[in-house]
């Protein structure tokens, strides 16, 4: 899924990505940094998915 960008009042951007029902977000200080976070957000989602698979998700 593509990155979702939301402009904040302080000028920062809230950047989110959702894949396979999991969502990861971060803040960046400028628009050109948003694209560089895609890989990091995807890695965070993959870690969360692996953890849920290995240890179970108490929310389920």
PDB file of N, CA and C in Angstrom:
ATOM      1  N   UNK A   1       0.846  -1.168   0.000  1.00  0.00           N
ATOM      2  CA  UNK A   1       0.000   0.000   0.000  1.00  0.00           C
ATOM      3  C   UNK A   1       0.900   1.242   0.000  1.00  0.00           C
ATOM      4  N   UNK A   2       0.491   2.276  -0.662  1.00  0.00           N
ATOM      5  CA  UNK A   2       1.328   3.483  -0.723  1.00  0.00           C
ATOM      6  C   UNK A   2       1.392   4.187   0.630  1.00  0.00           C
ATOM      7  N   UNK A   3       2.375   5.043   0.760  1.00  0.00           N
ATOM      8  CA  UNK A   3       2.512   5.832   1.975  1.00  0.00           C
ATOM      9  C   UNK A   3       1.364   6.826   2.089  1.00  0.00           C
ATOM     10  N   UNK A   4       0.909   7.023   3.304  1.00  0.00           N
ATOM     11  CA  UNK A   4      -0.092   8.049   3.586  1.00  0.00           C
ATOM     12  C   UNK A   4       0.632   9.201   4.272  1.00  0.00           C
ATOM     13  N   UNK A   5       0.427  10.403   3.777  1.00  0.00           N
ATOM     14  CA  UNK A   5       1.076  11.579   4.338  1.00  0.00           C
ATOM     15  C   UNK A   5       0.027  12.521   4.905  1.00  0.00           C
ATOM     16  N   UNK A   6       0.265  13.006   6.101  1.00  0.00           N
ATOM     17  CA  UNK A   6      -0.632  13.969   6.727  1.00  0.00           C
ATOM     18  C   UNK A   6       0.206  15.122   7.277  1.00  0.00           C
ATOM     19  N   UNK A   7      -0.066  16.322   6.802  1.00  0.00           N
ATOM     20  CA  UNK A   7       0.661  17.498   7.261  1.00  0.00           C
ATOM     21  C   UNK A   7       0.222  17.876   8.667  1.00  0.00           C
ATOM     22  N   UNK A   8       1.189  18.178   9.505  1.00  0.00           N
ATOM     23  CA  UNK A   8       0.926  18.572  10.882  1.00  0.00           C
ATOM     24  C   UNK A   8       1.018  20.095  11.020  1.00  0.00           C
ATOM     25  N   UNK A   9       0.447  20.618  12.066  1.00  0.00           N
ATOM     26  CA  UNK A   9       0.444  22.065  12.287  1.00  0.00           C
ATOM     27  C   UNK A   9       1.845  22.639  12.436  1.00  0.00           C
ATOM     28  N   UNK A  10       2.767  21.826  12.964  1.00  0.00           N
ATOM     29  CA  UNK A  10       4.127  22.311  13.176  1.00  0.00           C
ATOM     30  C   UNK A  10       5.005  22.212  11.928  1.00  0.00           C
ATOM     31  N   UNK A  11       4.427  21.767  10.808  1.00  0.00           N
ATOM     32  CA  UNK A  11       5.177  21.668   9.557  1.00  0.00           C
ATOM     33  C   UNK A  11       5.724  20.281   9.275  1.00  0.00           C
ATOM     34  N   UNK A  12       5.677  19.404  10.250  1.00  0.00           N
ATOM     35  CA  UNK A  12       6.145  18.026  10.040  1.00  0.00           C
ATOM     36  C   UNK A  12       5.098  17.239   9.265  1.00  0.00           C
ATOM     37  N   UNK A  13       5.494  16.048   8.853  1.00  0.00           N
ATOM     38  CA  UNK A  13       4.589  15.125   8.173  1.00  0.00           C
ATOM     39  C   UNK A  13       4.442  13.862   9.001  1.00  0.00           C
ATOM     40  N   UNK A  14       3.224  13.374   9.104  1.00  0.00           N
ATOM     41  CA  UNK A  14       2.944  12.081   9.715  1.00  0.00           C
ATOM     42  C   UNK A  14       2.858  11.093   8.561  1.00  0.00           C
ATOM     43  N   UNK A  15       3.750  10.119   8.538  1.00  0.00           N
ATOM     44  CA  UNK A  15       3.871   9.172   7.437  1.00  0.00           C
ATOM     45  C   UNK A  15       3.436   7.796   7.931  1.00  0.00           C
ATOM     46  N   UNK A  16       2.488   7.171   7.217  1.00  0.00           N
ATOM     47  CA  UNK A  16       2.000   5.852   7.613  1.00  0.00           C
ATOM     48  C   UNK A  16       1.984   4.896   6.425  1.00  0.00           C
ATOM     49  N   UNK A  17       2.107   3.627   6.744  1.00  0.00           N
ATOM     50  CA  UNK A  17       2.004   2.558   5.757  1.00  0.00           C
ATOM     51  C   UNK A  17       1.210   1.430   6.398  1.00  0.00           C
ATOM     52  N   UNK A  18       0.350   0.808   5.619  1.00  0.00           N
ATOM     53  CA  UNK A  18      -0.422  -0.334   6.106  1.00  0.00           C
ATOM     54  C   UNK A  18      -0.258  -1.484   5.129  1.00  0.00           C
ATOM     55  N   UNK A  19       0.085  -2.643   5.672  1.00  0.00           N
ATOM     56  CA  UNK A  19       0.216  -3.868   4.873  1.00  0.00           C
ATOM     57  C   UNK A  19      -0.274  -5.047   5.693  1.00  0.00           C
ATOM     58  N   UNK A  20      -1.021  -5.907   5.065  1.00  0.00           N
ATOM     59  CA  UNK A  20      -1.482  -7.141   5.710  1.00  0.00           C
ATOM     60  C   UNK A  20      -2.167  -6.888   7.050  1.00  0.00           C
ATOM     61  N   UNK A  21      -2.901  -5.805   7.141  1.00  0.00           N
ATOM     62  CA  UNK A  21      -3.634  -5.500   8.354  1.00  0.00           C
ATOM     63  C   UNK A  21      -2.816  -4.876   9.468  1.00  0.00           C
ATOM     64  N   UNK A  22      -1.551  -4.636   9.224  1.00  0.00           N
ATOM     65  CA  UNK A  22      -0.694  -3.996  10.221  1.00  0.00           C
ATOM     66  C   UNK A  22      -0.316  -2.603   9.735  1.00  0.00           C
ATOM     67  N   UNK A  23      -0.165  -1.673  10.669  1.00  0.00           N
ATOM     68  CA  UNK A  23       0.100  -0.282  10.334  1.00  0.00           C
ATOM     69  C   UNK A  23       1.311   0.209  11.117  1.00  0.00           C
ATOM     70  N   UNK A  24       2.173   0.955  10.454  1.00  0.00           N
ATOM     71  CA  UNK A  24       3.329   1.573  11.090  1.00  0.00           C
ATOM     72  C   UNK A  24       3.376   3.030  10.654  1.00  0.00           C
ATOM     73  N   UNK A  25       3.758   3.894  11.581  1.00  0.00           N
ATOM     74  CA  UNK A  25       3.793   5.331  11.299  1.00  0.00           C
ATOM     75  C   UNK A  25       5.044   5.960  11.900  1.00  0.00           C
ATOM     76  N   UNK A  26       5.390   7.122  11.381  1.00  0.00           N
ATOM     77  CA  UNK A  26       6.492   7.901  11.925  1.00  0.00           C
ATOM     78  C   UNK A  26       6.271   9.368  11.551  1.00  0.00           C
ATOM     79  N   UNK A  27       7.099  10.224  12.085  1.00  0.00           N
ATOM     80  CA  UNK A  27       7.080  11.644  11.737  1.00  0.00           C
ATOM     81  C   UNK A  27       8.388  11.991  11.048  1.00  0.00           C
ATOM     82  N   UNK A  28       8.313  12.865  10.047  1.00  0.00           N
ATOM     83  CA  UNK A  28       9.501  13.387   9.389  1.00  0.00           C
ATOM     84  C   UNK A  28       9.390  14.901   9.331  1.00  0.00           C
ATOM     85  N   UNK A  29      10.536  15.546   9.212  1.00  0.00           N
ATOM     86  CA  UNK A  29      10.554  17.000   9.247  1.00  0.00           C
ATOM     87  C   UNK A  29      10.335  17.652   7.889  1.00  0.00           C
ATOM     88  N   UNK A  30      10.512  16.891   6.810  1.00  0.00           N
ATOM     89  CA  UNK A  30      10.297  17.479   5.487  1.00  0.00           C
ATOM     90  C   UNK A  30       9.802  16.420   4.502  1.00  0.00           C
ATOM     91  N   UNK A  31       9.188  16.887   3.455  1.00  0.00           N
ATOM     92  CA  UNK A  31       8.542  16.000   2.485  1.00  0.00           C
ATOM     93  C   UNK A  31       9.537  15.062   1.806  1.00  0.00           C
ATOM     94  N   UNK A  32      10.735  15.536   1.528  1.00  0.00           N
ATOM     95  CA  UNK A  32      11.694  14.680   0.811  1.00  0.00           C
ATOM     96  C   UNK A  32      12.161  13.494   1.655  1.00  0.00           C
ATOM     97  N   UNK A  33      11.971  13.553   2.968  1.00  0.00           N
ATOM     98  CA  UNK A  33      12.370  12.442   3.830  1.00  0.00           C
ATOM     99  C   UNK A  33      11.315  11.339   3.902  1.00  0.00           C
ATOM    100  N   UNK A  34      10.094  11.641   3.488  1.00  0.00           N
ATOM    101  CA  UNK A  34       9.005  10.671   3.602  1.00  0.00           C
ATOM    102  C   UNK A  34       9.306   9.395   2.815  1.00  0.00           C
ATOM    103  N   UNK A  35       9.784   9.538   1.593  1.00  0.00           N
ATOM    104  CA  UNK A  35      10.056   8.362   0.756  1.00  0.00           C
ATOM    105  C   UNK A  35      11.152   7.484   1.353  1.00  0.00           C
ATOM    106  N   UNK A  36      12.085   8.094   2.087  1.00  0.00           N
ATOM    107  CA  UNK A  36      13.164   7.299   2.678  1.00  0.00           C
ATOM    108  C   UNK A  36      12.668   6.434   3.831  1.00  0.00           C
ATOM    109  N   UNK A  37      11.510   6.733   4.371  1.00  0.00           N
ATOM    110  CA  UNK A  37      10.967   5.971   5.492  1.00  0.00           C
ATOM    111  C   UNK A  37      10.193   4.734   5.048  1.00  0.00           C
ATOM    112  N   UNK A  38       9.909   4.604   3.767  1.00  0.00           N
ATOM    113  CA  UNK A  38       9.104   3.479   3.290  1.00  0.00           C
ATOM    114  C   UNK A  38       9.711   2.137   3.691  1.00  0.00           C
ATOM    115  N   UNK A  39      10.986   1.963   3.458  1.00  0.00           N
ATOM    116  CA  UNK A  39      11.651   0.709   3.811  1.00  0.00           C
ATOM    117  C   UNK A  39      11.648   0.447   5.306  1.00  0.00           C
ATOM    118  N   UNK A  40      11.832   1.503   6.100  1.00  0.00           N
ATOM    119  CA  UNK A  40      11.841   1.351   7.553  1.00  0.00           C
ATOM    120  C   UNK A  40      10.461   0.980   8.077  1.00  0.00           C
ATOM    121  N   UNK A  41       9.423   1.598   7.523  1.00  0.00           N
ATOM    122  CA  UNK A  41       8.066   1.267   7.940  1.00  0.00           C
ATOM    123  C   UNK A  41       7.708  -0.164   7.543  1.00  0.00           C
ATOM    124  N   UNK A  42       8.091  -0.565   6.346  1.00  0.00           N
ATOM    125  CA  UNK A  42       7.827  -1.943   5.899  1.00  0.00           C
ATOM    126  C   UNK A  42       8.559  -2.938   6.804  1.00  0.00           C
ATOM    127  N   UNK A  43       9.793  -2.628   7.182  1.00  0.00           N
ATOM    128  CA  UNK A  43      10.551  -3.511   8.075  1.00  0.00           C
ATOM    129  C   UNK A  43       9.875  -3.604   9.444  1.00  0.00           C
ATOM    130  N   UNK A  44       9.341  -2.491   9.949  1.00  0.00           N
ATOM    131  CA  UNK A  44       8.636  -2.500  11.232  1.00  0.00           C
ATOM    132  C   UNK A  44       7.386  -3.372  11.152  1.00  0.00           C
ATOM    133  N   UNK A  45       6.668  -3.278  10.050  1.00  0.00           N
ATOM    134  CA  UNK A  45       5.478  -4.110   9.854  1.00  0.00           C
ATOM    135  C   UNK A  45       5.866  -5.582   9.791  1.00  0.00           C
ATOM    136  N   UNK A  46       6.929  -5.886   9.077  1.00  0.00           N
ATOM    137  CA  UNK A  46       7.378  -7.279   8.973  1.00  0.00           C
ATOM    138  C   UNK A  46       7.802  -7.828  10.328  1.00  0.00           C
ATOM    139  N   UNK A  47       8.471  -7.002  11.150  1.00  0.00           N
ATOM    140  CA  UNK A  47       8.856  -7.445  12.501  1.00  0.00           C
ATOM    141  C   UNK A  47       7.621  -7.719  13.357  1.00  0.00           C
ATOM    142  N   UNK A  48       6.631  -6.838  13.271  1.00  0.00           N
ATOM    143  CA  UNK A  48       5.397  -7.021  14.045  1.00  0.00           C
ATOM    144  C   UNK A  48       4.668  -8.283  13.595  1.00  0.00           C
ATOM    145  N   UNK A  49       4.644  -8.543  12.292  1.00  0.00           N
ATOM    146  CA  UNK A  49       3.987  -9.740  11.773  1.00  0.00           C
ATOM    147  C   UNK A  49       4.712 -10.998  12.245  1.00  0.00           C
ATOM    148  N   UNK A  50       6.024 -10.971  12.215  1.00  0.00           N
ATOM    149  CA  UNK A  50       6.806 -12.120  12.670  1.00  0.00           C
ATOM    150  C   UNK A  50       6.577 -12.370  14.150  1.00  0.00           C
ATOM    151  N   UNK A  51       6.570 -11.319  14.948  1.00  0.00           N
ATOM    152  CA  UNK A  51       6.343 -11.463  16.376  1.00  0.00           C
ATOM    153  C   UNK A  51       4.950 -12.032  16.648  1.00  0.00           C
ATOM    154  N   UNK A  52       3.960 -11.538  15.942  1.00  0.00           N
ATOM    155  CA  UNK A  52       2.596 -12.041  16.127  1.00  0.00           C
ATOM    156  C   UNK A  52       2.515 -13.517  15.734  1.00  0.00           C
ATOM    157  N   UNK A  53       3.227 -13.884  14.677  1.00  0.00           N
ATOM    158  CA  UNK A  53       3.226 -15.267  14.221  1.00  0.00           C
ATOM    159  C   UNK A  53       3.931 -16.181  15.217  1.00  0.00           C
ATOM    160  N   UNK A  54       5.064 -15.712  15.747  1.00  0.00           N
ATOM    161  CA  UNK A  54       5.850 -16.533  16.675  1.00  0.00           C
ATOM    162  C   UNK A  54       5.231 -16.642  18.053  1.00  0.00           C
ATOM    163  N   UNK A  55       4.700 -15.539  18.559  1.00  0.00           N
ATOM    164  CA  UNK A  55       4.264 -15.493  19.955  1.00  0.00           C
ATOM    165  C   UNK A  55       2.760 -15.334  20.110  1.00  0.00           C
ATOM    166  N   UNK A  56       2.056 -15.196  19.011  1.00  0.00           N
ATOM    167  CA  UNK A  56       0.617 -14.995  19.078  1.00  0.00           C
ATOM    168  C   UNK A  56       0.271 -13.552  19.380  1.00  0.00           C
ATOM    169  N   UNK A  57      -0.891 -13.177  19.004  1.00  0.00           N
ATOM    170  CA  UNK A  57      -1.362 -11.822  19.228  1.00  0.00           C
ATOM    171  C   UNK A  57      -2.452 -11.884  20.292  1.00  0.00           C
ATOM    172  N   UNK A  58      -2.221 -11.300  21.465  1.00  0.00           N
ATOM    173  CA  UNK A  58      -3.229 -11.379  22.510  1.00  0.00           C
ATOM    174  C   UNK A  58      -4.547 -10.703  22.141  1.00  0.00           C
ATOM    175  N   UNK A  59      -4.529  -9.850  21.120  1.00  0.00           N
ATOM    176  CA  UNK A  59      -5.766  -9.186  20.688  1.00  0.00           C
ATOM    177  C   UNK A  59      -6.660 -10.118  19.895  1.00  0.00           C
ATOM    178  N   UNK A  60      -6.120 -11.233  19.416  1.00  0.00           N
ATOM    179  CA  UNK A  60      -6.926 -12.166  18.607  1.00  0.00           C
ATOM    180  C   UNK A  60      -7.637 -13.177  19.478  1.00  0.00           C
TER     181      UNK A  60
END
